Amino acid sequence: MCPRTVRGRLLEIGLCGCKARPKPLLTEFQRKWGLTWAREHSLWTIKDWEMVIFSDESQFCISGNQSSAYVRRRTHEEFSP
């Protein structure tokens, strides 16, 4: 089979090819949880905050650009992994 035939068959079953869409940074649940947490800790003193350790986590891509992944999905699956 040639690639053109494969692409045609995939389109027939509803799998369109496109660049992967970026995922939302936070879900609605995460936003609500963060707001609740902030309200619960809004009255903390400097002494309270001195007992907390903060960390900053970053993601680095060493090989290639992950944002330009090409995928085949149905229209209702745009944010699927």
Foldseek 3Di string as FASTA:
>chain_A
DDPVVVQVVLVVVQWDKDFADDDDPDDPVRVVVVVVVCVVCVPPDPVVVVPDDDDDDDDDDDDDDNRRDMGIDHPVCRNPD
